[in-house]
Amino acid sequence: MLYLAWLRCAQTGALEDETIEPPVPPGLRSLTAPLEAFAEFMCVDRDLLEAAAEASPDRGESLSHKDLERWIALLPDFEKAAALLKLATGNALHVQAELANRFRASRERATVSQVV
């Protein structure tokens, strides 16, 4: 619900340019009935919501610990250091979501390249 409210603020121009986008939550592709009603009540633009949903993982999708471990090992040192700095300065939830989204995106790219 909070992400939908953030989308509405972005849509209306109520955010400052420096505002960091929050992590895209899972399940935006198939909103529950209450979230669908909330989005409609808040007049969230459908195109904006669909664009955000493209980056949204499915609800309940689990991350393989071994796959994550291998992926993190392949990250450049400067990216690992940047993530650790964010963690150390109190941005743990943001870092967790950001890394999970990047991991899922890398898996999707790998799957697409295997198909092609």
PDB file of N, CA and C in Angstrom:
ATOM      1  N   MET A   1       0.825  -1.186   0.000  1.00  0.00           N
ATOM      2  CA  MET A   1       0.000   0.000   0.000  1.00  0.00           C
ATOM      3  C   MET A   1       0.878   1.262   0.000  1.00  0.00           C
ATOM      4  N   LEU A   2       1.970   1.206   0.758  1.00  0.00           N
ATOM      5  CA  LEU A   2       2.845   2.379   0.811  1.00  0.00           C
ATOM      6  C   LEU A   2       3.492   2.657  -0.546  1.00  0.00           C
ATOM      7  N   TYR A   3       3.849   1.597  -1.268  1.00  0.00           N
ATOM      8  CA  TYR A   3       4.446   1.804  -2.590  1.00  0.00           C
ATOM      9  C   TYR A   3       3.420   2.426  -3.539  1.00  0.00           C
ATOM     10  N   LEU A   4       2.181   2.008  -3.447  1.00  0.00           N
ATOM     11  CA  LEU A   4       1.132   2.602  -4.284  1.00  0.00           C
ATOM     12  C   LEU A   4       0.968   4.086  -3.955  1.00  0.00           C
ATOM     13  N   ALA A   5       1.023   4.428  -2.678  1.00  0.00           N
ATOM     14  CA  ALA A   5       0.944   5.835  -2.282  1.00  0.00           C
ATOM     15  C   ALA A   5       2.153   6.601  -2.820  1.00  0.00           C
ATOM     16  N   TRP A   6       3.338   5.972  -2.789  1.00  0.00           N
ATOM     17  CA  TRP A   6       4.536   6.608  -3.338  1.00  0.00           C
ATOM     18  C   TRP A   6       4.369   6.844  -4.844  1.00  0.00           C
ATOM     19  N   LEU A   7       3.797   5.860  -5.558  1.00  0.00           N
ATOM     20  CA  LEU A   7       3.549   6.039  -6.991  1.00  0.00           C
ATOM     21  C   LEU A   7       2.627   7.227  -7.246  1.00  0.00           C
ATOM     22  N   ARG A   8       1.620   7.357  -6.408  1.00  0.00           N
ATOM     23  CA  ARG A   8       0.688   8.490  -6.557  1.00  0.00           C
ATOM     24  C   ARG A   8       1.419   9.816  -6.355  1.00  0.00           C
ATOM     25  N   CYS A   9       2.299   9.873  -5.368  1.00  0.00           N
ATOM     26  CA  CYS A   9       3.085  11.090  -5.132  1.00  0.00           C
ATOM     27  C   CYS A   9       3.995  11.377  -6.324  1.00  0.00           C
ATOM     28  N   ALA A  10       4.594  10.342  -6.884  1.00  0.00           N
ATOM     29  CA  ALA A  10       5.451  10.524  -8.057  1.00  0.00           C
ATOM     30  C   ALA A  10       4.623  11.020  -9.242  1.00  0.00           C
ATOM     31  N   GLN A  11       3.444  10.475  -9.380  1.00  0.00           N
ATOM     32  CA  GLN A  11       2.546  10.847 -10.477  1.00  0.00           C
ATOM     33  C   GLN A  11       2.130  12.311 -10.399  1.00  0.00           C
ATOM     34  N   THR A  12       1.919  12.804  -9.200  1.00  0.00           N
ATOM     35  CA  THR A  12       1.427  14.177  -9.036  1.00  0.00           C
ATOM     36  C   THR A  12       2.550  15.203  -8.932  1.00  0.00           C
ATOM     37  N   GLY A  13       3.802  14.723  -8.930  1.00  0.00           N
ATOM     38  CA  GLY A  13       4.935  15.641  -8.825  1.00  0.00           C
ATOM     39  C   GLY A  13       5.202  16.119  -7.411  1.00  0.00           C
ATOM     40  N   ALA A  14       4.694  15.384  -6.428  1.00  0.00           N
ATOM     41  CA  ALA A  14       4.861  15.793  -5.032  1.00  0.00           C
ATOM     42  C   ALA A  14       6.219  15.415  -4.448  1.00  0.00           C
ATOM     43  N   LEU A  15       7.041  14.710  -5.218  1.00  0.00           N
ATOM     44  CA  LEU A  15       8.353  14.288  -4.716  1.00  0.00           C
ATOM     45  C   LEU A  15       9.444  15.233  -5.205  1.00  0.00           C
ATOM     46  N   GLU A  16      10.461  15.384  -4.380  1.00  0.00           N
ATOM     47  CA  GLU A  16      11.611  16.185  -4.794  1.00  0.00           C
ATOM     48  C   GLU A  16      12.475  15.354  -5.738  1.00  0.00           C
ATOM     49  N   ASP A  17      13.267  16.025  -6.568  1.00  0.00           N
ATOM     50  CA  ASP A  17      14.104  15.326  -7.543  1.00  0.00           C
ATOM     51  C   ASP A  17      15.065  14.345  -6.899  1.00  0.00           C
ATOM     52  N   GLU A  18      15.531  14.643  -5.682  1.00  0.00           N
ATOM     53  CA  GLU A  18      16.522  13.808  -5.003  1.00  0.00           C
ATOM     54  C   GLU A  18      15.898  12.599  -4.314  1.00  0.00           C
ATOM     55  N   THR A  19      14.570  12.489  -4.325  1.00  0.00           N
ATOM     56  CA  THR A  19      13.895  11.399  -3.631  1.00  0.00           C
ATOM     57  C   THR A  19      14.276  10.078  -4.272  1.00  0.00           C
ATOM     58  N   ILE A  20      14.706   9.145  -3.438  1.00  0.00           N
ATOM     59  CA  ILE A  20      15.097   7.819  -3.912  1.00  0.00           C
ATOM     60  C   ILE A  20      13.854   6.945  -3.998  1.00  0.00           C
ATOM     61  N   GLU A  21      13.723   6.243  -5.107  1.00  0.00           N
ATOM     62  CA  GLU A  21      12.589   5.344  -5.266  1.00  0.00           C
ATOM     63  C   GLU A  21      12.716   4.181  -4.296  1.00  0.00           C
ATOM     64  N   PRO A  22      11.645   3.858  -3.596  1.00  0.00           N
ATOM     65  CA  PRO A  22      11.713   2.699  -2.703  1.00  0.00           C
ATOM     66  C   PRO A  22      11.769   1.410  -3.523  1.00  0.00           C
ATOM     67  N   PRO A  23      12.218   0.327  -2.911  1.00  0.00           N
ATOM     68  CA  PRO A  23      12.257  -0.947  -3.630  1.00  0.00           C
ATOM     69  C   PRO A  23      10.860  -1.345  -4.099  1.00  0.00           C
ATOM     70  N   VAL A  24      10.792  -1.908  -5.283  1.00  0.00           N
ATOM     71  CA  VAL A  24       9.511  -2.363  -5.819  1.00  0.00           C
ATOM     72  C   VAL A  24       9.110  -3.635  -5.065  1.00  0.00           C
ATOM     73  N   PRO A  25       7.945  -3.633  -4.458  1.00  0.00           N
ATOM     74  CA  PRO A  25       7.540  -4.801  -3.668  1.00  0.00           C
ATOM     75  C   PRO A  25       7.070  -5.958  -4.548  1.00  0.00           C
ATOM     76  N   PRO A  26       7.128  -7.162  -4.010  1.00  0.00           N
ATOM     77  CA  PRO A  26       6.601  -8.304  -4.757  1.00  0.00           C
ATOM     78  C   PRO A  26       5.090  -8.216  -4.916  1.00  0.00           C
ATOM     79  N   GLY A  27       4.589  -8.804  -5.977  1.00  0.00           N
ATOM     80  CA  GLY A  27       3.149  -8.940  -6.145  1.00  0.00           C
ATOM     81  C   GLY A  27       2.426  -7.808  -6.838  1.00  0.00           C
ATOM     82  N   LEU A  28       3.142  -6.847  -7.410  1.00  0.00           N
ATOM     83  CA  LEU A  28       2.448  -5.733  -8.073  1.00  0.00           C
ATOM     84  C   LEU A  28       1.740  -6.167  -9.355  1.00  0.00           C
ATOM     85  N   ARG A  29       2.160  -7.282  -9.930  1.00  0.00           N
ATOM     86  CA  ARG A  29       1.521  -7.751 -11.169  1.00  0.00           C
ATOM     87  C   ARG A  29       0.115  -8.275 -10.905  1.00  0.00           C
ATOM     88  N   SER A  30      -0.134  -8.727  -9.689  1.00  0.00           N
ATOM     89  CA  SER A  30      -1.460  -9.244  -9.351  1.00  0.00           C
ATOM     90  C   SER A  30      -1.848  -8.711  -7.974  1.00  0.00           C
ATOM     91  N   LEU A  31      -2.390  -7.512  -7.958  1.00  0.00           N
ATOM     92  CA  LEU A  31      -2.775  -6.877  -6.704  1.00  0.00           C
ATOM     93  C   LEU A  31      -3.944  -7.607  -6.063  1.00  0.00           C
ATOM     94  N   THR A  32      -3.931  -7.643  -4.750  1.00  0.00           N
ATOM     95  CA  THR A  32      -5.086  -8.177  -4.028  1.00  0.00           C
ATOM     96  C   THR A  32      -6.254  -7.219  -4.232  1.00  0.00           C
ATOM     97  N   ALA A  33      -7.450  -7.681  -3.954  1.00  0.00           N
ATOM     98  CA  ALA A  33      -8.635  -6.834  -4.124  1.00  0.00           C
ATOM     99  C   ALA A  33      -8.538  -5.545  -3.297  1.00  0.00           C
ATOM    100  N   PRO A  34      -8.108  -5.612  -2.025  1.00  0.00           N
ATOM    101  CA  PRO A  34      -7.994  -4.363  -1.261  1.00  0.00           C
ATOM    102  C   PRO A  34      -6.954  -3.404  -1.855  1.00  0.00           C
ATOM    103  N   LEU A  35      -5.820  -3.944  -2.344  1.00  0.00           N
ATOM    104  CA  LEU A  35      -4.815  -3.062  -2.954  1.00  0.00           C
ATOM    105  C   LEU A  35      -5.305  -2.487  -4.273  1.00  0.00           C
ATOM    106  N   GLU A  36      -6.035  -3.267  -5.017  1.00  0.00           N
ATOM    107  CA  GLU A  36      -6.624  -2.779  -6.269  1.00  0.00           C
ATOM    108  C   GLU A  36      -7.596  -1.636  -5.973  1.00  0.00           C
ATOM    109  N   ALA A  37      -8.411  -1.798  -4.939  1.00  0.00           N
ATOM    110  CA  ALA A  37      -9.358  -0.750  -4.550  1.00  0.00           C
ATOM    111  C   ALA A  37      -8.615   0.493  -4.077  1.00  0.00           C
ATOM    112  N   PHE A  38      -7.534   0.296  -3.334  1.00  0.00           N
ATOM    113  CA  PHE A  38      -6.738   1.428  -2.860  1.00  0.00           C
ATOM    114  C   PHE A  38      -6.129   2.187  -4.040  1.00  0.00           C
ATOM    115  N   ALA A  39      -5.553   1.455  -4.996  1.00  0.00           N
ATOM    116  CA  ALA A  39      -4.956   2.099  -6.177  1.00  0.00           C
ATOM    117  C   ALA A  39      -6.009   2.893  -6.946  1.00  0.00           C
ATOM    118  N   GLU A  40      -7.195   2.323  -7.066  1.00  0.00           N
ATOM    119  CA  GLU A  40      -8.280   3.018  -7.766  1.00  0.00           C
ATOM    120  C   GLU A  40      -8.720   4.249  -6.979  1.00  0.00           C
ATOM    121  N   PHE A  41      -8.863   4.115  -5.668  1.00  0.00           N
ATOM    122  CA  PHE A  41      -9.258   5.229  -4.811  1.00  0.00           C
ATOM    123  C   PHE A  41      -8.247   6.375  -4.882  1.00  0.00           C
ATOM    124  N   MET A  42      -6.952   6.017  -4.911  1.00  0.00           N
ATOM    125  CA  MET A  42      -5.888   7.018  -4.963  1.00  0.00           C
ATOM    126  C   MET A  42      -5.661   7.558  -6.381  1.00  0.00           C
ATOM    127  N   CYS A  43      -6.375   6.999  -7.357  1.00  0.00           N
ATOM    128  CA  CYS A  43      -6.245   7.403  -8.765  1.00  0.00           C
ATOM    129  C   CYS A  43      -4.817   7.203  -9.289  1.00  0.00           C
ATOM    130  N   VAL A  44      -4.207   6.077  -8.918  1.00  0.00           N
ATOM    131  CA  VAL A  44      -2.879   5.764  -9.428  1.00  0.00           C
ATOM    132  C   VAL A  44      -3.020   5.427 -10.905  1.00  0.00           C
ATOM    133  N   ASP A  45      -2.231   6.077 -11.724  1.00  0.00           N
ATOM    134  CA  ASP A  45      -2.276   5.874 -13.164  1.00  0.00           C
ATOM    135  C   ASP A  45      -1.979   4.414 -13.495  1.00  0.00           C
ATOM    136  N   ARG A  46      -2.842   3.772 -14.286  1.00  0.00           N
ATOM    137  CA  ARG A  46      -2.692   2.350 -14.610  1.00  0.00           C
ATOM    138  C   ARG A  46      -1.393   2.074 -15.369  1.00  0.00           C
ATOM    139  N   ASP A  47      -1.019   2.974 -16.293  1.00  0.00           N
ATOM    140  CA  ASP A  47       0.221   2.775 -17.049  1.00  0.00           C
ATOM    141  C   ASP A  47       1.440   2.842 -16.125  1.00  0.00           C
ATOM    142  N   LEU A  48       1.410   3.760 -15.187  1.00  0.00           N
ATOM    143  CA  LEU A  48       2.500   3.878 -14.221  1.00  0.00           C
ATOM    144  C   LEU A  48       2.584   2.629 -13.351  1.00  0.00           C
ATOM    145  N   LEU A  49       1.447   2.140 -12.917  1.00  0.00           N
ATOM    146  CA  LEU A  49       1.397   0.930 -12.103  1.00  0.00           C
ATOM    147  C   LEU A  49       1.899  -0.281 -12.889  1.00  0.00           C
ATOM    148  N   GLU A  50       1.507  -0.389 -14.154  1.00  0.00           N
ATOM    149  CA  GLU A  50       1.963  -1.508 -14.983  1.00  0.00           C
ATOM    150  C   GLU A  50       3.468  -1.435 -15.229  1.00  0.00           C
ATOM    151  N   ALA A  51       3.992  -0.239 -15.413  1.00  0.00           N
ATOM    152  CA  ALA A  51       5.440  -0.087 -15.607  1.00  0.00           C
ATOM    153  C   ALA A  51       6.194  -0.520 -14.348  1.00  0.00           C
ATOM    154  N   ALA A  52       5.696  -0.145 -13.187  1.00  0.00           N
ATOM    155  CA  ALA A  52       6.331  -0.555 -11.926  1.00  0.00           C
ATOM    156  C   ALA A  52       6.213  -2.058 -11.731  1.00  0.00           C
ATOM    157  N   ALA A  53       5.092  -2.627 -12.148  1.00  0.00           N
ATOM    158  CA  ALA A  53       4.861  -4.060 -11.967  1.00  0.00           C
ATOM    159  C   ALA A  53       5.847  -4.913 -12.759  1.00  0.00           C
ATOM    160  N   GLU A  54       6.383  -4.374 -13.836  1.00  0.00           N
ATOM    161  CA  GLU A  54       7.359  -5.124 -14.628  1.00  0.00           C
ATOM    162  C   GLU A  54       8.593  -5.489 -13.813  1.00  0.00           C
ATOM    163  N   ALA A  55       8.950  -4.648 -12.853  1.00  0.00           N
ATOM    164  CA  ALA A  55      10.127  -4.903 -12.014  1.00  0.00           C
ATOM    165  C   ALA A  55       9.771  -5.624 -10.720  1.00  0.00           C
ATOM    166  N   SER A  56       8.514  -5.983 -10.564  1.00  0.00           N
ATOM    167  CA  SER A  56       8.056  -6.601  -9.317  1.00  0.00           C
ATOM    168  C   SER A  56       8.159  -8.117  -9.381  1.00  0.00           C
ATOM    169  N   PRO A  57       8.879  -8.720  -8.419  1.00  0.00           N
ATOM    170  CA  PRO A  57       8.930 -10.183  -8.378  1.00  0.00           C
ATOM    171  C   PRO A  57       7.575 -10.745  -7.960  1.00  0.00           C
ATOM    172  N   ASP A  58       7.350 -12.004  -8.291  1.00  0.00           N
ATOM    173  CA  ASP A  58       6.113 -12.646  -7.869  1.00  0.00           C
ATOM    174  C   ASP A  58       6.094 -12.785  -6.356  1.00  0.00           C
ATOM    175  N   ARG A  59       4.925 -12.738  -5.777  1.00  0.00           N
ATOM    176  CA  ARG A  59       4.758 -12.874  -4.335  1.00  0.00           C
ATOM    177  C   ARG A  59       5.176 -14.282  -3.921  1.00  0.00           C
ATOM    178  N   GLY A  60       5.981 -14.388  -2.893  1.00  0.00           N
ATOM    179  CA  GLY A  60       6.378 -15.685  -2.375  1.00  0.00           C
ATOM    180  C   GLY A  60       7.538 -16.328  -3.112  1.00  0.00           C
ATOM    181  N   GLU A  61       8.087 -15.651  -4.108  1.00  0.00           N
ATOM    182  CA  GLU A  61       9.228 -16.216  -4.835  1.00  0.00           C
ATOM    183  C   GLU A  61      10.427 -16.272  -3.897  1.00  0.00           C
ATOM    184  N   SER A  62      11.019 -17.442  -3.784  1.00  0.00           N
ATOM    185  CA  SER A  62      12.132 -17.576  -2.859  1.00  0.00           C
ATOM    186  C   SER A  62      13.462 -17.440  -3.586  1.00  0.00           C
ATOM    187  N   LEU A  63      14.463 -17.022  -2.841  1.00  0.00           N
ATOM    188  CA  LEU A  63      15.808 -16.878  -3.378  1.00  0.00           C
ATOM    189  C   LEU A  63      16.648 -18.058  -2.900  1.00  0.00           C
ATOM    190  N   SER A  64      17.282 -18.745  -3.830  1.00  0.00           N
ATOM    191  CA  SER A  64      18.144 -19.866  -3.477  1.00  0.00           C
ATOM    192  C   SER A  64      19.403 -19.335  -2.804  1.00  0.00           C
ATOM    193  N   HIS A  65      19.676 -19.848  -1.602  1.00  0.00           N
ATOM    194  CA  HIS A  65      20.844 -19.386  -0.847  1.00  0.00           C
ATOM    195  C   HIS A  65      22.128 -19.635  -1.633  1.00  0.00           C
ATOM    196  N   LYS A  66      22.263 -20.806  -2.225  1.00  0.00           N
ATOM    197  CA  LYS A  66      23.484 -21.133  -2.972  1.00  0.00           C
ATOM    198  C   LYS A  66      23.636 -20.257  -4.207  1.00  0.00           C
ATOM    199  N   ASP A  67      22.536 -20.033  -4.938  1.00  0.00           N
ATOM    200  CA  ASP A  67      22.600 -19.171  -6.125  1.00  0.00           C
ATOM    201  C   ASP A  67      22.954 -17.747  -5.746  1.00  0.00           C
ATOM    202  N   LEU A  68      22.355 -17.269  -4.637  1.00  0.00           N
ATOM    203  CA  LEU A  68      22.664 -15.922  -4.153  1.00  0.00           C
ATOM    204  C   LEU A  68      24.132 -15.807  -3.756  1.00  0.00           C
ATOM    205  N   GLU A  69      24.643 -16.816  -3.077  1.00  0.00           N
ATOM    206  CA  GLU A  69      26.030 -16.814  -2.638  1.00  0.00           C
ATOM    207  C   GLU A  69      26.979 -16.735  -3.841  1.00  0.00           C
ATOM    208  N   ARG A  70      26.702 -17.517  -4.875  1.00  0.00           N
ATOM    209  CA  ARG A  70      27.532 -17.478  -6.090  1.00  0.00           C
ATOM    210  C   ARG A  70      27.440 -16.118  -6.776  1.00  0.00           C
ATOM    211  N   TRP A  71      26.235 -15.568  -6.850  1.00  0.00           N
ATOM    212  CA  TRP A  71      26.032 -14.278  -7.511  1.00  0.00           C
ATOM    213  C   TRP A  71      26.779 -13.174  -6.773  1.00  0.00           C
ATOM    214  N   ILE A  72      26.684 -13.165  -5.453  1.00  0.00           N
ATOM    215  CA  ILE A  72      27.375 -12.146  -4.658  1.00  0.00           C
ATOM    216  C   ILE A  72      28.885 -12.266  -4.822  1.00  0.00           C
ATOM    217  N   ALA A  73      29.393 -13.490  -4.880  1.00  0.00           N
ATOM    218  CA  ALA A  73      30.837 -13.694  -5.058  1.00  0.00           C
ATOM    219  C   ALA A  73      31.328 -13.082  -6.374  1.00  0.00           C
ATOM    220  N   LEU A  74      30.451 -13.018  -7.376  1.00  0.00           N
ATOM    221  CA  LEU A  74      30.834 -12.475  -8.680  1.00  0.00           C
ATOM    222  C   LEU A  74      30.686 -10.955  -8.778  1.00  0.00           C
ATOM    223  N   LEU A  75      30.057 -10.335  -7.781  1.00  0.00           N
ATOM    224  CA  LEU A  75      29.912  -8.879  -7.804  1.00  0.00           C
ATOM    225  C   LEU A  75      31.283  -8.222  -7.670  1.00  0.00           C
ATOM    226  N   PRO A  76      31.503  -7.110  -8.372  1.00  0.00           N
ATOM    227  CA  PRO A  76      32.768  -6.378  -8.205  1.00  0.00           C
ATOM    228  C   PRO A  76      32.919  -5.887  -6.763  1.00  0.00           C
ATOM    229  N   ASP A  77      34.165  -5.795  -6.300  1.00  0.00           N
ATOM    230  CA  ASP A  77      34.436  -5.379  -4.922  1.00  0.00           C
ATOM    231  C   ASP A  77      33.823  -4.021  -4.581  1.00  0.00           C
ATOM    232  N   PHE A  78      33.831  -3.079  -5.539  1.00  0.00           N
ATOM    233  CA  PHE A  78      33.280  -1.753  -5.231  1.00  0.00           C
ATOM    234  C   PHE A  78      31.780  -1.821  -4.976  1.00  0.00           C
ATOM    235  N   GLU A  79      31.072  -2.746  -5.631  1.00  0.00           N
ATOM    236  CA  GLU A  79      29.637  -2.888  -5.387  1.00  0.00           C
ATOM    237  C   GLU A  79      29.373  -3.520  -4.020  1.00  0.00           C
ATOM    238  N   LYS A  80      30.202  -4.496  -3.651  1.00  0.00           N
ATOM    239  CA  LYS A  80      30.072  -5.106  -2.328  1.00  0.00           C
ATOM    240  C   LYS A  80      30.339  -4.071  -1.243  1.00  0.00           C
ATOM    241  N   ALA A  81      31.377  -3.249  -1.445  1.00  0.00           N
ATOM    242  CA  ALA A  81      31.715  -2.212  -0.465  1.00  0.00           C
ATOM    243  C   ALA A  81      30.586  -1.193  -0.350  1.00  0.00           C
ATOM    244  N   ALA A  82      29.990  -0.823  -1.467  1.00  0.00           N
ATOM    245  CA  ALA A  82      28.883   0.141  -1.443  1.00  0.00           C
ATOM    246  C   ALA A  82      27.694  -0.428  -0.686  1.00  0.00           C
ATOM    247  N   ALA A  83      27.392  -1.709  -0.893  1.00  0.00           N
ATOM    248  CA  ALA A  83      26.277  -2.341  -0.184  1.00  0.00           C
ATOM    249  C   ALA A  83      26.554  -2.402   1.311  1.00  0.00           C
ATOM    250  N   LEU A  84      27.782  -2.736   1.681  1.00  0.00           N
ATOM    251  CA  LEU A  84      28.137  -2.794   3.102  1.00  0.00           C
ATOM    252  C   LEU A  84      28.052  -1.424   3.756  1.00  0.00           C
ATOM    253  N   LEU A  85      28.460  -0.395   3.034  1.00  0.00           N
ATOM    254  CA  LEU A  85      28.372   0.961   3.571  1.00  0.00           C
ATOM    255  C   LEU A  85      26.918   1.353   3.809  1.00  0.00           C
ATOM    256  N   LYS A  86      26.041   1.014   2.865  1.00  0.00           N
ATOM    257  CA  LYS A  86      24.617   1.299   3.044  1.00  0.00           C
ATOM    258  C   LYS A  86      24.070   0.548   4.258  1.00  0.00           C
ATOM    259  N   LEU A  87      24.484  -0.710   4.409  1.00  0.00           N
ATOM    260  CA  LEU A  87      24.043  -1.482   5.573  1.00  0.00           C
ATOM    261  C   LEU A  87      24.510  -0.839   6.874  1.00  0.00           C
ATOM    262  N   ALA A  88      25.767  -0.404   6.889  1.00  0.00           N
ATOM    263  CA  ALA A  88      26.358   0.177   8.095  1.00  0.00           C
ATOM    264  C   ALA A  88      25.724   1.516   8.462  1.00  0.00           C
ATOM    265  N   THR A  89      25.118   2.190   7.492  1.00  0.00           N
ATOM    266  CA  THR A  89      24.513   3.494   7.766  1.00  0.00           C
ATOM    267  C   THR A  89      22.997   3.412   7.934  1.00  0.00           C
ATOM    268  N   GLY A  90      22.488   2.198   8.147  1.00  0.00           N
ATOM    269  CA  GLY A  90      21.073   2.065   8.500  1.00  0.00           C
ATOM    270  C   GLY A  90      20.109   1.887   7.364  1.00  0.00           C
ATOM    271  N   ASN A  91      20.565   1.443   6.220  1.00  0.00           N
ATOM    272  CA  ASN A  91      19.673   1.247   5.081  1.00  0.00           C
ATOM    273  C   ASN A  91      19.494  -0.232   4.755  1.00  0.00           C
ATOM    274  N   ALA A  92      19.413  -1.070   5.775  1.00  0.00           N
ATOM    275  CA  ALA A  92      19.396  -2.524   5.584  1.00  0.00           C
ATOM    276  C   ALA A  92      18.238  -2.993   4.706  1.00  0.00           C
ATOM    277  N   LEU A  93      17.023  -2.532   4.968  1.00  0.00           N
ATOM    278  CA  LEU A  93      15.885  -3.001   4.179  1.00  0.00           C
ATOM    279  C   LEU A  93      16.000  -2.584   2.718  1.00  0.00           C
ATOM    280  N   HIS A  94      16.466  -1.378   2.494  1.00  0.00           N
ATOM    281  CA  HIS A  94      16.630  -0.905   1.126  1.00  0.00           C
ATOM    282  C   HIS A  94      17.679  -1.735   0.394  1.00  0.00           C
ATOM    283  N   VAL A  95      18.793  -2.022   1.059  1.00  0.00           N
ATOM    284  CA  VAL A  95      19.866  -2.813   0.453  1.00  0.00           C
ATOM    285  C   VAL A  95      19.378  -4.230   0.164  1.00  0.00           C
ATOM    286  N   GLN A  96      18.661  -4.813   1.096  1.00  0.00           N
ATOM    287  CA  GLN A  96      18.157  -6.164   0.905  1.00  0.00           C
ATOM    288  C   GLN A  96      17.249  -6.225  -0.319  1.00  0.00           C
ATOM    289  N   ALA A  97      16.327  -5.302  -0.433  1.00  0.00           N
ATOM    290  CA  ALA A  97      15.406  -5.295  -1.566  1.00  0.00           C
ATOM    291  C   ALA A  97      16.143  -5.015  -2.873  1.00  0.00           C
ATOM    292  N   GLU A  98      17.071  -4.077  -2.844  1.00  0.00           N
ATOM    293  CA  GLU A  98      17.828  -3.735  -4.044  1.00  0.00           C
ATOM    294  C   GLU A  98      18.632  -4.934  -4.550  1.00  0.00           C
ATOM    295  N   LEU A  99      19.335  -5.611  -3.649  1.00  0.00           N
ATOM    296  CA  LEU A  99      20.122  -6.776  -4.051  1.00  0.00           C
ATOM    297  C   LEU A  99      19.225  -7.915  -4.531  1.00  0.00           C
ATOM    298  N   ALA A 100      18.112  -8.135  -3.856  1.00  0.00           N
ATOM    299  CA  ALA A 100      17.193  -9.192  -4.284  1.00  0.00           C
ATOM    300  C   ALA A 100      16.639  -8.902  -5.672  1.00  0.00           C
ATOM    301  N   ASN A 101      16.276  -7.650  -5.936  1.00  0.00           N
ATOM    302  CA  ASN A 101      15.769  -7.282  -7.269  1.00  0.00           C
ATOM    303  C   ASN A 101      16.841  -7.459  -8.336  1.00  0.00           C
ATOM    304  N   ARG A 102      18.082  -7.056  -8.024  1.00  0.00           N
ATOM    305  CA  ARG A 102      19.179  -7.221  -8.986  1.00  0.00           C
ATOM    306  C   ARG A 102      19.461  -8.687  -9.249  1.00  0.00           C
ATOM    307  N   PHE A 103      19.421  -9.506  -8.195  1.00  0.00           N
ATOM    308  CA  PHE A 103      19.640 -10.939  -8.344  1.00  0.00           C
ATOM    309  C   PHE A 103      18.572 -11.551  -9.253  1.00  0.00           C
ATOM    310  N   ARG A 104      17.312 -11.223  -8.981  1.00  0.00           N
ATOM    311  CA  ARG A 104      16.221 -11.762  -9.804  1.00  0.00           C
ATOM    312  C   ARG A 104      16.362 -11.311 -11.255  1.00  0.00           C
ATOM    313  N   ALA A 105      16.722 -10.059 -11.463  1.00  0.00           N
ATOM    314  CA  ALA A 105      16.903  -9.546 -12.831  1.00  0.00           C
ATOM    315  C   ALA A 105      18.032 -10.284 -13.543  1.00  0.00           C
ATOM    316  N   SER A 106      19.114 -10.581 -12.826  1.00  0.00           N
ATOM    317  CA  SER A 106      20.226 -11.298 -13.451  1.00  0.00           C
ATOM    318  C   SER A 106      19.801 -12.715 -13.819  1.00  0.00           C
ATOM    319  N   ARG A 107      18.962 -13.330 -12.997  1.00  0.00           N
ATOM    320  CA  ARG A 107      18.455 -14.678 -13.311  1.00  0.00           C
ATOM    321  C   ARG A 107      17.550 -14.637 -14.532  1.00  0.00           C
ATOM    322  N   GLU A 108      16.717 -13.589 -14.630  1.00  0.00           N
ATOM    323  CA  GLU A 108      15.825 -13.458 -15.790  1.00  0.00           C
ATOM    324  C   GLU A 108      16.632 -13.257 -17.065  1.00  0.00           C
ATOM    325  N   ARG A 109      17.688 -12.413 -16.992  1.00  0.00           N
ATOM    326  CA  ARG A 109      18.556 -12.209 -18.171  1.00  0.00           C
ATOM    327  C   ARG A 109      19.228 -13.504 -18.582  1.00  0.00           C
ATOM    328  N   ALA A 110      19.680 -14.278 -17.595  1.00  0.00           N
ATOM    329  CA  ALA A 110      20.336 -15.552 -17.882  1.00  0.00           C
ATOM    330  C   ALA A 110      19.366 -16.519 -18.545  1.00  0.00           C
ATOM    331  N   THR A 111      18.131 -16.539 -18.081  1.00  0.00           N
ATOM    332  CA  THR A 111      17.123 -17.424 -18.658  1.00  0.00           C
ATOM    333  C   THR A 111      16.812 -17.025 -20.098  1.00  0.00           C
ATOM    334  N   VAL A 112      16.681 -15.717 -20.337  1.00  0.00           N
ATOM    335  CA  VAL A 112      16.399 -15.226 -21.689  1.00  0.00           C
ATOM    336  C   VAL A 112      17.553 -15.560 -22.625  1.00  0.00           C
ATOM    337  N   SER A 113      18.797 -15.382 -22.185  1.00  0.00           N
ATOM    338  CA  SER A 113      19.936 -15.655 -23.052  1.00  0.00           C
ATOM    339  C   SER A 113      20.067 -17.146 -23.340  1.00  0.00           C
ATOM    340  N   GLN A 114      19.622 -18.015 -22.423  1.00  0.00           N
ATOM    341  CA  GLN A 114      19.651 -19.446 -22.674  1.00  0.00           C
ATOM    342  C   GLN A 114      18.622 -19.839 -23.714  1.00  0.00           C
ATOM    343  N   VAL A 115      17.481 -19.154 -23.728  1.00  0.00           N
ATOM    344  CA  VAL A 115      16.410 -19.442 -24.669  1.00  0.00           C
ATOM    345  C   VAL A 115      16.818 -18.989 -26.074  1.00  0.00           C
ATOM    346  N   VAL A 116      17.474 -17.842 -26.157  1.00  0.00           N
ATOM    347  CA  VAL A 116      17.881 -17.284 -27.451  1.00  0.00           C
ATOM    348  C   VAL A 116      19.048 -18.052 -27.934  1.00  0.00           C
TER     349      VAL A 116
END
